[in-house]
Amino acid sequence: MSDNTNKSEQQQQMKEIFISADVWYGIFDFLCPFDVGLKMALISDRLDVLVDVHFKSREWALERLIILSGTDGNSAEITNRSNELQPIPQEPLPNKLIGFKELQIWSFLS
């Protein structure tokens, strides 16, 4: 047990524990990006800043990219998670995007 006699002293000590930014970055790598962005960032201003730095410095590998022939037959489109067709961006991909786990290219000849 603790030497502290009352609960308020124990809570005060817990509030004073400092965890370095490097430790937080290591923890963020093991958490779902959704949890990091929408839960961890809301805990405090300091964690909000650390989450921003984490996402800006992280390299991303996307799960799946599917490229389909366009409806007019001369273009191509990509699909998102809800299978909605999106135009292919004309600018280069971000430097932080390092790859895909799966790439599918579909062509429908008429």
PDB file of N, CA and C in Angstrom:
ATOM      1  N   MET A   1       0.826  -1.174   0.000  1.00  0.00           N
ATOM      2  CA  MET A   1       0.000   0.000   0.000  1.00  0.00           C
ATOM      3  C   MET A   1       0.875   1.243   0.000  1.00  0.00           C
ATOM      4  N   SER A   2       0.264   2.342  -0.215  1.00  0.00           N
ATOM      5  CA  SER A   2       0.971   3.611  -0.257  1.00  0.00           C
ATOM      6  C   SER A   2       1.132   4.192   1.141  1.00  0.00           C
ATOM      7  N   ASP A   3       2.183   5.011   1.310  1.00  0.00           N
ATOM      8  CA  ASP A   3       2.381   5.714   2.576  1.00  0.00           C
ATOM      9  C   ASP A   3       1.380   6.850   2.747  1.00  0.00           C
ATOM     10  N   ASN A   4       0.753   7.263   1.660  1.00  0.00           N
ATOM     11  CA  ASN A   4      -0.223   8.359   1.741  1.00  0.00           C
ATOM     12  C   ASN A   4      -1.441   7.900   2.521  1.00  0.00           C
ATOM     13  N   THR A   5      -1.916   8.770   3.374  1.00  0.00           N
ATOM     14  CA  THR A   5      -3.038   8.386   4.225  1.00  0.00           C
ATOM     15  C   THR A   5      -4.387   8.690   3.600  1.00  0.00           C
ATOM     16  N   ASN A   6      -4.444   9.639   2.685  1.00  0.00           N
ATOM     17  CA  ASN A   6      -5.760   9.925   2.110  1.00  0.00           C
ATOM     18  C   ASN A   6      -5.726   9.865   0.588  1.00  0.00           C
ATOM     19  N   LYS A   7      -6.887   9.709   0.055  1.00  0.00           N
ATOM     20  CA  LYS A   7      -7.043   9.525  -1.388  1.00  0.00           C
ATOM     21  C   LYS A   7      -6.673  10.778  -2.178  1.00  0.00           C
ATOM     22  N   SER A   8      -6.910  11.962  -1.635  1.00  0.00           N
ATOM     23  CA  SER A   8      -6.604  13.197  -2.362  1.00  0.00           C
ATOM     24  C   SER A   8      -5.103  13.350  -2.583  1.00  0.00           C
ATOM     25  N   GLU A   9      -4.279  12.916  -1.635  1.00  0.00           N
ATOM     26  CA  GLU A   9      -2.826  12.981  -1.830  1.00  0.00           C
ATOM     27  C   GLU A   9      -2.395  12.037  -2.945  1.00  0.00           C
ATOM     28  N   GLN A  10      -2.983  10.858  -3.008  1.00  0.00           N
ATOM     29  CA  GLN A  10      -2.655   9.906  -4.064  1.00  0.00           C
ATOM     30  C   GLN A  10      -3.063  10.455  -5.430  1.00  0.00           C
ATOM     31  N   GLN A  11      -4.221  11.071  -5.515  1.00  0.00           N
ATOM     32  CA  GLN A  11      -4.663  11.649  -6.781  1.00  0.00           C
ATOM     33  C   GLN A  11      -3.755  12.791  -7.205  1.00  0.00           C
ATOM     34  N   GLN A  12      -3.295  13.585  -6.261  1.00  0.00           N
ATOM     35  CA  GLN A  12      -2.390  14.691  -6.577  1.00  0.00           C
ATOM     36  C   GLN A  12      -1.079  14.152  -7.140  1.00  0.00           C
ATOM     37  N   GLN A  13      -0.569  13.076  -6.571  1.00  0.00           N
ATOM     38  CA  GLN A  13       0.662  12.484  -7.083  1.00  0.00           C
ATOM     39  C   GLN A  13       0.460  11.945  -8.493  1.00  0.00           C
ATOM     40  N   MET A  14      -0.685  11.352  -8.777  1.00  0.00           N
ATOM     41  CA  MET A  14      -0.961  10.838 -10.114  1.00  0.00           C
ATOM     42  C   MET A  14      -1.012  11.967 -11.137  1.00  0.00           C
ATOM     43  N   LYS A  15      -1.499  13.125 -10.749  1.00  0.00           N
ATOM     44  CA  LYS A  15      -1.566  14.262 -11.661  1.00  0.00           C
ATOM     45  C   LYS A  15      -0.182  14.786 -11.997  1.00  0.00           C
ATOM     46  N   GLU A  16       0.783  14.547 -11.142  1.00  0.00           N
ATOM     47  CA  GLU A  16       2.116  15.100 -11.322  1.00  0.00           C
ATOM     48  C   GLU A  16       3.047  14.194 -12.114  1.00  0.00           C
ATOM     49  N   ILE A  17       2.615  13.023 -12.532  1.00  0.00           N
ATOM     50  CA  ILE A  17       3.461  12.128 -13.313  1.00  0.00           C
ATOM     51  C   ILE A  17       3.641  12.726 -14.704  1.00  0.00           C
ATOM     52  N   PHE A  18       4.894  12.871 -15.125  1.00  0.00           N
ATOM     53  CA  PHE A  18       5.193  13.430 -16.441  1.00  0.00           C
ATOM     54  C   PHE A  18       5.678  12.306 -17.344  1.00  0.00           C
ATOM     55  N   ILE A  19       5.096  12.200 -18.527  1.00  0.00           N
ATOM     56  CA  ILE A  19       5.506  11.208 -19.516  1.00  0.00           C
ATOM     57  C   ILE A  19       6.088  11.965 -20.696  1.00  0.00           C
ATOM     58  N   SER A  20       7.303  11.594 -21.097  1.00  0.00           N
ATOM     59  CA  SER A  20       7.995  12.338 -22.155  1.00  0.00           C
ATOM     60  C   SER A  20       7.291  12.162 -23.502  1.00  0.00           C
ATOM     61  N   ALA A  21       7.568  13.086 -24.408  1.00  0.00           N
ATOM     62  CA  ALA A  21       6.957  13.057 -25.741  1.00  0.00           C
ATOM     63  C   ALA A  21       7.350  11.789 -26.495  1.00  0.00           C
ATOM     64  N   ASP A  22       8.605  11.351 -26.357  1.00  0.00           N
ATOM     65  CA  ASP A  22       9.050  10.142 -27.054  1.00  0.00           C
ATOM     66  C   ASP A  22       8.252   8.914 -26.625  1.00  0.00           C
ATOM     67  N   VAL A  23       7.928   8.831 -25.354  1.00  0.00           N
ATOM     68  CA  VAL A  23       7.120   7.711 -24.867  1.00  0.00           C
ATOM     69  C   VAL A  23       5.720   7.788 -25.469  1.00  0.00           C
ATOM     70  N   TRP A  24       5.135   8.984 -25.510  1.00  0.00           N
ATOM     71  CA  TRP A  24       3.803   9.136 -26.108  1.00  0.00           C
ATOM     72  C   TRP A  24       3.821   8.736 -27.579  1.00  0.00           C
ATOM     73  N   TYR A  25       4.867   9.150 -28.333  1.00  0.00           N
ATOM     74  CA  TYR A  25       4.938   8.789 -29.753  1.00  0.00           C
ATOM     75  C   TYR A  25       4.990   7.273 -29.919  1.00  0.00           C
ATOM     76  N   GLY A  26       5.708   6.598 -29.031  1.00  0.00           N
ATOM     77  CA  GLY A  26       5.747   5.139 -29.075  1.00  0.00           C
ATOM     78  C   GLY A  26       4.397   4.514 -28.779  1.00  0.00           C
ATOM     79  N   ILE A  27       3.663   5.109 -27.868  1.00  0.00           N
ATOM     80  CA  ILE A  27       2.323   4.611 -27.535  1.00  0.00           C
ATOM     81  C   ILE A  27       1.369   4.843 -28.707  1.00  0.00           C
ATOM     82  N   PHE A  28       1.453   6.003 -29.342  1.00  0.00           N
ATOM     83  CA  PHE A  28       0.566   6.324 -30.466  1.00  0.00           C
ATOM     84  C   PHE A  28       0.699   5.302 -31.592  1.00  0.00           C
ATOM     85  N   ASP A  29       1.918   4.769 -31.809  1.00  0.00           N
ATOM     86  CA  ASP A  29       2.124   3.797 -32.881  1.00  0.00           C
ATOM     87  C   ASP A  29       1.316   2.522 -32.678  1.00  0.00           C
ATOM     88  N   PHE A  30       1.012   2.195 -31.432  1.00  0.00           N
ATOM     89  CA  PHE A  30       0.272   0.969 -31.144  1.00  0.00           C
ATOM     90  C   PHE A  30      -1.235   1.175 -31.077  1.00  0.00           C
ATOM     91  N   LEU A  31      -1.680   2.404 -31.159  1.00  0.00           N
ATOM     92  CA  LEU A  31      -3.109   2.699 -31.080  1.00  0.00           C
ATOM     93  C   LEU A  31      -3.689   2.933 -32.470  1.00  0.00           C
ATOM     94  N   CYS A  32      -4.958   2.718 -32.597  1.00  0.00           N
ATOM     95  CA  CYS A  32      -5.672   3.008 -33.836  1.00  0.00           C
ATOM     96  C   CYS A  32      -5.615   4.517 -34.094  1.00  0.00           C
ATOM     97  N   PRO A  33      -5.325   4.948 -35.339  1.00  0.00           N
ATOM     98  CA  PRO A  33      -5.289   6.386 -35.621  1.00  0.00           C
ATOM     99  C   PRO A  33      -6.574   7.106 -35.219  1.00  0.00           C
ATOM    100  N   PHE A  34      -7.701   6.432 -35.322  1.00  0.00           N
ATOM    101  CA  PHE A  34      -8.977   7.018 -34.899  1.00  0.00           C
ATOM    102  C   PHE A  34      -8.939   7.359 -33.414  1.00  0.00           C
ATOM    103  N   ASP A  35      -8.468   6.415 -32.597  1.00  0.00           N
ATOM    104  CA  ASP A  35      -8.395   6.645 -31.151  1.00  0.00           C
ATOM    105  C   ASP A  35      -7.417   7.759 -30.813  1.00  0.00           C
ATOM    106  N   VAL A  36      -6.294   7.790 -31.513  1.00  0.00           N
ATOM    107  CA  VAL A  36      -5.296   8.833 -31.243  1.00  0.00           C
ATOM    108  C   VAL A  36      -5.869  10.204 -31.575  1.00  0.00           C
ATOM    109  N   GLY A  37      -6.472  10.330 -32.748  1.00  0.00           N
ATOM    110  CA  GLY A  37      -6.956  11.631 -33.197  1.00  0.00           C
ATOM    111  C   GLY A  37      -8.191  12.130 -32.481  1.00  0.00           C
ATOM    112  N   LEU A  38      -9.112  11.233 -32.197  1.00  0.00           N
ATOM    113  CA  LEU A  38     -10.387  11.682 -31.644  1.00  0.00           C
ATOM    114  C   LEU A  38     -10.541  11.474 -30.145  1.00  0.00           C
ATOM    115  N   LYS A  39      -9.646  10.736 -29.532  1.00  0.00           N
ATOM    116  CA  LYS A  39      -9.751  10.525 -28.087  1.00  0.00           C
ATOM    117  C   LYS A  39      -8.553  11.098 -27.344  1.00  0.00           C
ATOM    118  N   MET A  40      -7.358  10.698 -27.753  1.00  0.00           N
ATOM    119  CA  MET A  40      -6.156  11.145 -27.033  1.00  0.00           C
ATOM    120  C   MET A  40      -5.966  12.654 -27.148  1.00  0.00           C
ATOM    121  N   ALA A  41      -6.240  13.208 -28.323  1.00  0.00           N
ATOM    122  CA  ALA A  41      -6.020  14.642 -28.534  1.00  0.00           C
ATOM    123  C   ALA A  41      -6.933  15.501 -27.673  1.00  0.00           C
ATOM    124  N   LEU A  42      -8.041  14.951 -27.233  1.00  0.00           N
ATOM    125  CA  LEU A  42      -8.990  15.723 -26.436  1.00  0.00           C
ATOM    126  C   LEU A  42      -8.655  15.751 -24.947  1.00  0.00           C
ATOM    127  N   ILE A  43      -7.699  14.948 -24.519  1.00  0.00           N
ATOM    128  CA  ILE A  43      -7.388  14.855 -23.091  1.00  0.00           C
ATOM    129  C   ILE A  43      -6.765  16.141 -22.563  1.00  0.00           C
ATOM    130  N   SER A  44      -5.805  16.691 -23.318  1.00  0.00           N
ATOM    131  CA  SER A  44      -5.150  17.918 -22.846  1.00  0.00           C
ATOM    132  C   SER A  44      -4.564  18.670 -24.035  1.00  0.00           C
ATOM    133  N   ASP A  45      -4.197  19.918 -23.807  1.00  0.00           N
ATOM    134  CA  ASP A  45      -3.569  20.717 -24.865  1.00  0.00           C
ATOM    135  C   ASP A  45      -2.227  20.122 -25.266  1.00  0.00           C
ATOM    136  N   ARG A  46      -1.487  19.618 -24.294  1.00  0.00           N
ATOM    137  CA  ARG A  46      -0.174  19.028 -24.584  1.00  0.00           C
ATOM    138  C   ARG A  46      -0.325  17.801 -25.482  1.00  0.00           C
ATOM    139  N   LEU A  47      -1.271  16.928 -25.166  1.00  0.00           N
ATOM    140  CA  LEU A  47      -1.481  15.752 -26.008  1.00  0.00           C
ATOM    141  C   LEU A  47      -1.999  16.142 -27.385  1.00  0.00           C
ATOM    142  N   ASP A  48      -2.781  17.188 -27.477  1.00  0.00           N
ATOM    143  CA  ASP A  48      -3.267  17.660 -28.769  1.00  0.00           C
ATOM    144  C   ASP A  48      -2.095  18.042 -29.668  1.00  0.00           C
ATOM    145  N   VAL A  49      -1.128  18.751 -29.114  1.00  0.00           N
ATOM    146  CA  VAL A  49       0.061  19.140 -29.882  1.00  0.00           C
ATOM    147  C   VAL A  49       0.868  17.905 -30.272  1.00  0.00           C
ATOM    148  N   LEU A  50       1.041  16.965 -29.346  1.00  0.00           N
ATOM    149  CA  LEU A  50       1.796  15.747 -29.644  1.00  0.00           C
ATOM    150  C   LEU A  50       1.117  14.913 -30.726  1.00  0.00           C
ATOM    151  N   VAL A  51      -0.206  14.847 -30.702  1.00  0.00           N
ATOM    152  CA  VAL A  51      -0.944  14.110 -31.730  1.00  0.00           C
ATOM    153  C   VAL A  51      -0.756  14.776 -33.093  1.00  0.00           C
ATOM    154  N   ASP A  52      -0.815  16.100 -33.148  1.00  0.00           N
ATOM    155  CA  ASP A  52      -0.590  16.818 -34.410  1.00  0.00           C
ATOM    156  C   ASP A  52       0.791  16.512 -34.971  1.00  0.00           C
ATOM    157  N   VAL A  53       1.808  16.578 -34.133  1.00  0.00           N
ATOM    158  CA  VAL A  53       3.180  16.288 -34.576  1.00  0.00           C
ATOM    159  C   VAL A  53       3.285  14.840 -35.036  1.00  0.00           C
ATOM    160  N   HIS A  54       2.651  13.932 -34.322  1.00  0.00           N
ATOM    161  CA  HIS A  54       2.689  12.508 -34.680  1.00  0.00           C
ATOM    162  C   HIS A  54       2.116  12.279 -36.076  1.00  0.00           C
ATOM    163  N   PHE A  55       0.953  12.850 -36.354  1.00  0.00           N
ATOM    164  CA  PHE A  55       0.331  12.628 -37.657  1.00  0.00           C
ATOM    165  C   PHE A  55       1.089  13.320 -38.786  1.00  0.00           C
ATOM    166  N   LYS A  56       1.692  14.462 -38.522  1.00  0.00           N
ATOM    167  CA  LYS A  56       2.441  15.166 -39.567  1.00  0.00           C
ATOM    168  C   LYS A  56       3.760  14.480 -39.886  1.00  0.00           C
ATOM    169  N   SER A  57       4.340  13.768 -38.925  1.00  0.00           N
ATOM    170  CA  SER A  57       5.641  13.139 -39.144  1.00  0.00           C
ATOM    171  C   SER A  57       5.532  11.671 -39.548  1.00  0.00           C
ATOM    172  N   ARG A  58       4.371  11.097 -39.461  1.00  0.00           N
ATOM    173  CA  ARG A  58       4.195   9.670 -39.717  1.00  0.00           C
ATOM    174  C   ARG A  58       4.136   9.377 -41.210  1.00  0.00           C
ATOM    175  N   GLU A  59       4.711   8.233 -41.598  1.00  0.00           N
ATOM    176  CA  GLU A  59       4.575   7.763 -42.968  1.00  0.00           C
ATOM    177  C   GLU A  59       3.392   6.801 -43.007  1.00  0.00           C
ATOM    178  N   TRP A  60       2.651   6.839 -44.109  1.00  0.00           N
ATOM    179  CA  TRP A  60       1.412   6.082 -44.198  1.00  0.00           C
ATOM    180  C   TRP A  60       1.477   5.052 -45.314  1.00  0.00           C
ATOM    181  N   ALA A  61       1.022   3.851 -45.031  1.00  0.00           N
ATOM    182  CA  ALA A  61       0.810   2.826 -46.042  1.00  0.00           C
ATOM    183  C   ALA A  61      -0.691   2.556 -46.070  1.00  0.00           C
ATOM    184  N   LEU A  62      -1.307   2.785 -47.199  1.00  0.00           N
ATOM    185  CA  LEU A  62      -2.748   2.580 -47.308  1.00  0.00           C
ATOM    186  C   LEU A  62      -3.055   1.097 -47.488  1.00  0.00           C
ATOM    187  N   GLU A  63      -4.210   0.698 -47.031  1.00  0.00           N
ATOM    188  CA  GLU A  63      -4.617  -0.702 -47.129  1.00  0.00           C
ATOM    189  C   GLU A  63      -4.766  -1.141 -48.586  1.00  0.00           C
ATOM    190  N   ARG A  64      -5.649  -0.486 -49.302  1.00  0.00           N
ATOM    191  CA  ARG A  64      -6.016  -0.983 -50.617  1.00  0.00           C
ATOM    192  C   ARG A  64      -6.310   0.185 -51.547  1.00  0.00           C
ATOM    193  N   LEU A  65      -5.833   0.087 -52.764  1.00  0.00           N
ATOM    194  CA  LEU A  65      -6.153   1.063 -53.800  1.00  0.00           C
ATOM    195  C   LEU A  65      -6.701   0.295 -54.995  1.00  0.00           C
ATOM    196  N   ILE A  66      -7.914   0.635 -55.396  1.00  0.00           N
ATOM    197  CA  ILE A  66      -8.539  -0.005 -56.554  1.00  0.00           C
ATOM    198  C   ILE A  66      -8.758   1.061 -57.616  1.00  0.00           C
ATOM    199  N   ILE A  67      -8.211   0.817 -58.790  1.00  0.00           N
ATOM    200  CA  ILE A  67      -8.359   1.729 -59.924  1.00  0.00           C
ATOM    201  C   ILE A  67      -9.250   1.042 -60.950  1.00  0.00           C
ATOM    202  N   LEU A  68     -10.326   1.713 -61.340  1.00  0.00           N
ATOM    203  CA  LEU A  68     -11.283   1.175 -62.308  1.00  0.00           C
ATOM    204  C   LEU A  68     -11.295   2.038 -63.554  1.00  0.00           C
ATOM    205  N   SER A  69     -11.631   1.420 -64.687  1.00  0.00           N
ATOM    206  CA  SER A  69     -11.797   2.230 -65.892  1.00  0.00           C
ATOM    207  C   SER A  69     -13.018   3.120 -65.707  1.00  0.00           C
ATOM    208  N   GLY A  70     -12.923   4.337 -66.243  1.00  0.00           N
ATOM    209  CA  GLY A  70     -14.000   5.312 -66.079  1.00  0.00           C
ATOM    210  C   GLY A  70     -15.243   4.936 -66.853  1.00  0.00           C
ATOM    211  N   THR A  71     -16.327   5.600 -66.536  1.00  0.00           N
ATOM    212  CA  THR A  71     -17.599   5.302 -67.192  1.00  0.00           C
ATOM    213  C   THR A  71     -17.596   5.693 -68.667  1.00  0.00           C
ATOM    214  N   ASP A  72     -16.739   6.662 -69.029  1.00  0.00           N
ATOM    215  CA  ASP A  72     -16.676   7.064 -70.437  1.00  0.00           C
ATOM    216  C   ASP A  72     -15.718   6.197 -71.241  1.00  0.00           C
ATOM    217  N   GLY A  73     -14.991   5.298 -70.594  1.00  0.00           N
ATOM    218  CA  GLY A  73     -14.078   4.405 -71.290  1.00  0.00           C
ATOM    219  C   GLY A  73     -12.700   4.975 -71.536  1.00  0.00           C
ATOM    220  N   ASN A  74     -12.512   6.277 -71.363  1.00  0.00           N
ATOM    221  CA  ASN A  74     -11.217   6.902 -71.624  1.00  0.00           C
ATOM    222  C   ASN A  74     -10.516   7.383 -70.367  1.00  0.00           C
ATOM    223  N   SER A  75     -11.131   7.239 -69.233  1.00  0.00           N
ATOM    224  CA  SER A  75     -10.543   7.752 -67.999  1.00  0.00           C
ATOM    225  C   SER A  75     -10.468   6.629 -66.968  1.00  0.00           C
ATOM    226  N   ALA A  76      -9.938   6.958 -65.826  1.00  0.00           N
ATOM    227  CA  ALA A  76      -9.860   6.002 -64.724  1.00  0.00           C
ATOM    228  C   ALA A  76     -10.338   6.687 -63.450  1.00  0.00           C
ATOM    229  N   GLU A  77     -10.836   5.891 -62.524  1.00  0.00           N
ATOM    230  CA  GLU A  77     -11.315   6.405 -61.243  1.00  0.00           C
ATOM    231  C   GLU A  77     -10.856   5.457 -60.147  1.00  0.00           C
ATOM    232  N   ILE A  78     -10.827   5.947 -58.926  1.00  0.00           N
ATOM    233  CA  ILE A  78     -10.491   5.106 -57.788  1.00  0.00           C
ATOM    234  C   ILE A  78     -11.731   4.952 -56.915  1.00  0.00           C
ATOM    235  N   THR A  79     -11.754   3.905 -56.107  1.00  0.00           N
ATOM    236  CA  THR A  79     -12.879   3.708 -55.198  1.00  0.00           C
ATOM    237  C   THR A  79     -12.440   3.989 -53.772  1.00  0.00           C
ATOM    238  N   ASN A  80     -13.375   4.470 -52.969  1.00  0.00           N
ATOM    239  CA  ASN A  80     -13.093   4.661 -51.551  1.00  0.00           C
ATOM    240  C   ASN A  80     -13.721   3.508 -50.775  1.00  0.00           C
ATOM    241  N   ARG A  81     -13.676   3.578 -49.454  1.00  0.00           N
ATOM    242  CA  ARG A  81     -14.173   2.476 -48.620  1.00  0.00           C
ATOM    243  C   ARG A  81     -15.650   2.179 -48.832  1.00  0.00           C
ATOM    244  N   SER A  82     -16.431   3.171 -49.191  1.00  0.00           N
ATOM    245  CA  SER A  82     -17.862   2.937 -49.409  1.00  0.00           C
ATOM    246  C   SER A  82     -18.159   2.638 -50.877  1.00  0.00           C
ATOM    247  N   ASN A  83     -17.113   2.309 -51.641  1.00  0.00           N
ATOM    248  CA  ASN A  83     -17.220   1.944 -53.056  1.00  0.00           C
ATOM    249  C   ASN A  83     -17.785   3.049 -53.930  1.00  0.00           C
ATOM    250  N   GLU A  84     -17.621   4.293 -53.520  1.00  0.00           N
ATOM    251  CA  GLU A  84     -17.992   5.423 -54.367  1.00  0.00           C
ATOM    252  C   GLU A  84     -16.809   5.737 -55.280  1.00  0.00           C
ATOM    253  N   LEU A  85     -17.093   6.018 -56.529  1.00  0.00           N
ATOM    254  CA  LEU A  85     -16.027   6.342 -57.473  1.00  0.00           C
ATOM    255  C   LEU A  85     -15.555   7.773 -57.260  1.00  0.00           C
ATOM    256  N   GLN A  86     -14.254   7.953 -57.256  1.00  0.00           N
ATOM    257  CA  GLN A  86     -13.632   9.263 -57.075  1.00  0.00           C
ATOM    258  C   GLN A  86     -12.663   9.498 -58.229  1.00  0.00           C
ATOM    259  N   PRO A  87     -12.534  10.725 -58.706  1.00  0.00           N
ATOM    260  CA  PRO A  87     -11.548  10.991 -59.754  1.00  0.00           C
ATOM    261  C   PRO A  87     -10.131  10.818 -59.204  1.00  0.00           C
ATOM    262  N   ILE A  88      -9.225  10.440 -60.074  1.00  0.00           N
ATOM    263  CA  ILE A  88      -7.825  10.301 -59.666  1.00  0.00           C
ATOM    264  C   ILE A  88      -7.226  11.701 -59.556  1.00  0.00           C
ATOM    265  N   PRO A  89      -6.599  12.031 -58.446  1.00  0.00           N
ATOM    266  CA  PRO A  89      -5.999  13.362 -58.291  1.00  0.00           C
ATOM    267  C   PRO A  89      -4.909  13.593 -59.337  1.00  0.00           C
ATOM    268  N   GLN A  90      -4.828  14.799 -59.841  1.00  0.00           N
ATOM    269  CA  GLN A  90      -3.840  15.128 -60.862  1.00  0.00           C
ATOM    270  C   GLN A  90      -2.500  15.551 -60.270  1.00  0.00           C
ATOM    271  N   GLU A  91      -2.486  15.879 -58.981  1.00  0.00           N
ATOM    272  CA  GLU A  91      -1.230  16.257 -58.347  1.00  0.00           C
ATOM    273  C   GLU A  91      -0.559  14.999 -57.782  1.00  0.00           C
ATOM    274  N   PRO A  92       0.752  15.049 -57.529  1.00  0.00           N
ATOM    275  CA  PRO A  92       1.447  13.869 -57.002  1.00  0.00           C
ATOM    276  C   PRO A  92       0.944  13.496 -55.608  1.00  0.00           C
ATOM    277  N   LEU A  93       1.130  12.237 -55.268  1.00  0.00           N
ATOM    278  CA  LEU A  93       0.740  11.762 -53.943  1.00  0.00           C
ATOM    279  C   LEU A  93       1.634  12.397 -52.883  1.00  0.00           C
ATOM    280  N   PRO A  94       1.153  12.541 -51.669  1.00  0.00           N
ATOM    281  CA  PRO A  94       1.970  13.130 -50.601  1.00  0.00           C
ATOM    282  C   PRO A  94       3.235  12.307 -50.341  1.00  0.00           C
ATOM    283  N   ASN A  95       4.304  12.972 -49.934  1.00  0.00           N
ATOM    284  CA  ASN A  95       5.566  12.289 -49.657  1.00  0.00           C
ATOM    285  C   ASN A  95       5.454  11.307 -48.499  1.00  0.00           C
ATOM    286  N   LYS A  96       4.508  11.530 -47.611  1.00  0.00           N
ATOM    287  CA  LYS A  96       4.351  10.657 -46.444  1.00  0.00           C
ATOM    288  C   LYS A  96       3.636   9.350 -46.788  1.00  0.00           C
ATOM    289  N   LEU A  97       3.094   9.230 -47.994  1.00  0.00           N
ATOM    290  CA  LEU A  97       2.452   7.996 -48.434  1.00  0.00           C
ATOM    291  C   LEU A  97       3.532   7.092 -49.005  1.00  0.00           C
ATOM    292  N   ILE A  98       3.800   5.978 -48.331  1.00  0.00           N
ATOM    293  CA  ILE A  98       4.930   5.137 -48.727  1.00  0.00           C
ATOM    294  C   ILE A  98       4.516   3.885 -49.480  1.00  0.00           C
ATOM    295  N   GLY A  99       3.229   3.599 -49.590  1.00  0.00           N
ATOM    296  CA  GLY A  99       2.835   2.427 -50.351  1.00  0.00           C
ATOM    297  C   GLY A  99       1.424   1.971 -50.057  1.00  0.00           C
ATOM    298  N   PHE A 100       1.104   0.828 -50.648  1.00  0.00           N
ATOM    299  CA  PHE A 100      -0.207   0.214 -50.495  1.00  0.00           C
ATOM    300  C   PHE A 100       0.002  -1.252 -50.150  1.00  0.00           C
ATOM    301  N   LYS A 101      -0.882  -1.796 -49.348  1.00  0.00           N
ATOM    302  CA  LYS A 101      -0.811  -3.224 -49.059  1.00  0.00           C
ATOM    303  C   LYS A 101      -1.365  -4.029 -50.223  1.00  0.00           C
ATOM    304  N   GLU A 102      -2.285  -3.433 -50.963  1.00  0.00           N
ATOM    305  CA  GLU A 102      -2.890  -4.114 -52.101  1.00  0.00           C
ATOM    306  C   GLU A 102      -3.234  -3.082 -53.166  1.00  0.00           C
ATOM    307  N   LEU A 103      -2.906  -3.388 -54.414  1.00  0.00           N
ATOM    308  CA  LEU A 103      -3.220  -2.510 -55.537  1.00  0.00           C
ATOM    309  C   LEU A 103      -3.938  -3.345 -56.590  1.00  0.00           C
ATOM    310  N   GLN A 104      -5.145  -2.936 -56.959  1.00  0.00           N
ATOM    311  CA  GLN A 104      -5.918  -3.630 -57.988  1.00  0.00           C
ATOM    312  C   GLN A 104      -6.223  -2.650 -59.110  1.00  0.00           C
ATOM    313  N   ILE A 105      -6.028  -3.108 -60.342  1.00  0.00           N
ATOM    314  CA  ILE A 105      -6.355  -2.295 -61.512  1.00  0.00           C
ATOM    315  C   ILE A 105      -7.347  -3.096 -62.354  1.00  0.00           C
ATOM    316  N   TRP A 106      -8.523  -2.524 -62.557  1.00  0.00           N
ATOM    317  CA  TRP A 106      -9.582  -3.187 -63.304  1.00  0.00           C
ATOM    318  C   TRP A 106      -9.861  -2.401 -64.587  1.00  0.00           C
ATOM    319  N   SER A 107      -9.943  -3.129 -65.687  1.00  0.00           N
ATOM    320  CA  SER A 107     -10.281  -2.502 -66.961  1.00  0.00           C
ATOM    321  C   SER A 107     -11.437  -3.284 -67.580  1.00  0.00           C
ATOM    322  N   PHE A 108     -12.462  -2.566 -67.969  1.00  0.00           N
ATOM    323  CA  PHE A 108     -13.625  -3.196 -68.581  1.00  0.00           C
ATOM    324  C   PHE A 108     -13.653  -2.797 -70.050  1.00  0.00           C
ATOM    325  N   LEU A 109     -13.403  -3.747 -70.908  1.00  0.00           N
ATOM    326  CA  LEU A 109     -13.410  -3.474 -72.342  1.00  0.00           C
ATOM    327  C   LEU A 109     -14.818  -3.678 -72.884  1.00  0.00           C
ATOM    328  N   SER A 110     -15.232  -2.755 -73.736  1.00  0.00           N
ATOM    329  CA  SER A 110     -16.582  -2.891 -74.299  1.00  0.00           C
ATOM    330  C   SER A 110     -16.519  -3.331 -75.736  1.00  0.00           C
TER     331      SER A 110
END
